């Protein structure tokens, strides 16, 4: 639950929160995964970390919740600027 709270605040300065975003995407708690996605949505355009796409692809492939899996894919495509 602490990770969810911290991720909620990290939306204000997303670039400083990359380690927390990574932890949130790997969390077993869906609300932490959603919190990580909220931070990624706030990321400055064109400045995503180099490993963001790979991390999001893995999270998308492993996500058991269909709606959350769709959200992960949307965020991934938005960060990469691609349609794949």
C-alpha atoms as a PDB file:
ATOM      1  CA  UNK A   1       0.000   0.000   0.000  1.00  0.00           C
ATOM      2  CA  UNK A   2       2.914   2.345   0.663  1.00  0.00           C
ATOM      3  CA  UNK A   3       4.060   1.950  -2.942  1.00  0.00           C
ATOM      4  CA  UNK A   4       0.639   3.022  -4.160  1.00  0.00           C
ATOM      5  CA  UNK A   5       0.759   6.184  -2.038  1.00  0.00           C
ATOM      6  CA  UNK A   6       4.270   7.076  -3.200  1.00  0.00           C
ATOM      7  CA  UNK A   7       3.367   6.449  -6.839  1.00  0.00           C
ATOM      8  CA  UNK A   8       0.354   8.717  -6.419  1.00  0.00           C
ATOM      9  CA  UNK A   9       2.685  11.530  -5.410  1.00  0.00           C
ATOM     10  CA  UNK A  10       5.272  10.663  -8.073  1.00  0.00           C
ATOM     11  CA  UNK A  11       2.977  11.917 -10.839  1.00  0.00           C
ATOM     12  CA  UNK A  12       4.266  15.401  -9.971  1.00  0.00           C
ATOM     13  CA  UNK A  13       7.882  14.486 -10.815  1.00  0.00           C
ATOM     14  CA  UNK A  14       7.695  11.286 -12.830  1.00  0.00           C
ATOM     15  CA  UNK A  15      11.302  11.198 -13.976  1.00  0.00           C
ATOM     16  CA  UNK A  16      12.542  11.001 -10.394  1.00  0.00           C
ATOM     17  CA  UNK A  17      10.321   7.995  -9.743  1.00  0.00           C
ATOM     18  CA  UNK A  18      11.570   5.518 -12.361  1.00  0.00           C
ATOM     19  CA  UNK A  19      12.732   2.899  -9.789  1.00  0.00           C
ATOM     20  CA  UNK A  20       9.316   3.093  -8.124  1.00  0.00           C
ATOM     21  CA  UNK A  21       7.538   2.779 -11.467  1.00  0.00           C
ATOM     22  CA  UNK A  22       9.561  -0.342 -12.215  1.00  0.00           C
ATOM     23  CA  UNK A  23       8.626  -1.789  -8.815  1.00  0.00           C
ATOM     24  CA  UNK A  24       4.975  -0.849  -9.323  1.00  0.00           C
ATOM     25  CA  UNK A  25       4.765  -2.588 -12.695  1.00  0.00           C
ATOM     26  CA  UNK A  26       6.231  -5.772 -11.152  1.00  0.00           C
ATOM     27  CA  UNK A  27       4.001  -5.618  -8.067  1.00  0.00           C
ATOM     28  CA  UNK A  28       1.455  -8.302  -7.341  1.00  0.00           C
ATOM     29  CA  UNK A  29      -1.037  -5.596  -6.380  1.00  0.00           C
ATOM     30  CA  UNK A  30      -3.128  -4.286  -9.292  1.00  0.00           C
ATOM     31  CA  UNK A  31      -3.466  -0.847  -7.675  1.00  0.00           C
ATOM     32  CA  UNK A  32       0.334  -0.503  -7.653  1.00  0.00           C
ATOM     33  CA  UNK A  33       0.487  -1.455 -11.327  1.00  0.00           C
ATOM     34  CA  UNK A  34      -2.181   1.163 -12.066  1.00  0.00           C
ATOM     35  CA  UNK A  35      -0.235   3.727 -10.025  1.00  0.00           C
ATOM     36  CA  UNK A  36       2.870   3.022 -12.082  1.00  0.00           C
ATOM     37  CA  UNK A  37       0.871   3.565 -15.265  1.00  0.00           C
ATOM     38  CA  UNK A  38      -0.404   6.903 -13.932  1.00  0.00           C
ATOM     39  CA  UNK A  39       3.187   8.052 -13.437  1.00  0.00           C
ATOM     40  CA  UNK A  40       4.105   6.893 -16.943  1.00  0.00           C
ATOM     41  CA  UNK A  41       1.168   8.832 -18.396  1.00  0.00           C
ATOM     42  CA  UNK A  42       2.602  11.968 -16.757  1.00  0.00           C
ATOM     43  CA  UNK A  43       6.041  11.367 -18.268  1.00  0.00           C
ATOM     44  CA  UNK A  44       7.376  14.180 -20.454  1.00  0.00           C
ATOM     45  CA  UNK A  45       6.951  13.301 -24.156  1.00  0.00           C
ATOM     46  CA  UNK A  46       9.988  11.755 -25.796  1.00  0.00           C
ATOM     47  CA  UNK A  47      11.896  11.313 -22.527  1.00  0.00           C
ATOM     48  CA  UNK A  48      10.962   7.788 -21.460  1.00  0.00           C
ATOM     49  CA  UNK A  49      13.803   5.718 -19.989  1.00  0.00           C
ATOM     50  CA  UNK A  50      15.580   3.437 -22.445  1.00  0.00           C
ATOM     51  CA  UNK A  51      14.237   0.297 -20.790  1.00  0.00           C
ATOM     52  CA  UNK A  52      10.619   1.514 -20.530  1.00  0.00           C
ATOM     53  CA  UNK A  53       9.413  -0.228 -23.677  1.00  0.00           C
ATOM     54  CA  UNK A  54      10.900  -3.598 -22.708  1.00  0.00           C
ATOM     55  CA  UNK A  55       9.544  -3.339 -19.171  1.00  0.00           C
ATOM     56  CA  UNK A  56       6.064  -2.431 -20.415  1.00  0.00           C
ATOM     57  CA  UNK A  57       6.082  -5.221 -23.009  1.00  0.00           C
ATOM     58  CA  UNK A  58       6.905  -7.718 -20.280  1.00  0.00           C
ATOM     59  CA  UNK A  59       4.272  -6.282 -17.940  1.00  0.00           C
ATOM     60  CA  UNK A  60       1.693  -6.396 -20.727  1.00  0.00           C
ATOM     61  CA  UNK A  61       2.501 -10.019 -21.556  1.00  0.00           C
ATOM     62  CA  UNK A  62       2.289 -11.091 -17.910  1.00  0.00           C
ATOM     63  CA  UNK A  63      -0.737  -9.016 -16.832  1.00  0.00           C
ATOM     64  CA  UNK A  64      -3.642 -11.287 -15.787  1.00  0.00           C
ATOM     65  CA  UNK A  65      -6.303  -8.532 -15.838  1.00  0.00           C
ATOM     66  CA  UNK A  66      -7.538  -7.857 -19.385  1.00  0.00           C
ATOM     67  CA  UNK A  67      -8.429  -4.198 -18.785  1.00  0.00           C
ATOM     68  CA  UNK A  68      -5.137  -3.454 -17.097  1.00  0.00           C
ATOM     69  CA  UNK A  69      -3.281  -5.299 -19.874  1.00  0.00           C
ATOM     70  CA  UNK A  70      -5.002  -3.019 -22.395  1.00  0.00           C
ATOM     71  CA  UNK A  71      -4.005   0.052 -20.369  1.00  0.00           C
ATOM     72  CA  UNK A  72      -0.393  -1.101 -20.241  1.00  0.00           C
ATOM     73  CA  UNK A  73      -0.364  -1.490 -24.014  1.00  0.00           C
ATOM     74  CA  UNK A  74      -1.861   1.965 -24.508  1.00  0.00           C
ATOM     75  CA  UNK A  75       0.740   3.565 -22.243  1.00  0.00           C
ATOM     76  CA  UNK A  76       3.548   1.641 -23.952  1.00  0.00           C
ATOM     77  CA  UNK A  77       2.440   2.764 -27.405  1.00  0.00           C
ATOM     78  CA  UNK A  78       2.002   6.331 -26.157  1.00  0.00           C
ATOM     79  CA  UNK A  79       5.524   6.454 -24.761  1.00  0.00           C
ATOM     80  CA  UNK A  80       7.083   4.920 -27.843  1.00  0.00           C
ATOM     81  CA  UNK A  81       4.936   6.901 -30.252  1.00  0.00           C
ATOM     82  CA  UNK A  82       4.294   3.725 -32.239  1.00  0.00           C
ATOM     83  CA  UNK A  83       1.165   1.842 -33.068  1.00  0.00           C
ATOM     84  CA  UNK A  84       2.574  -1.667 -32.513  1.00  0.00           C
END
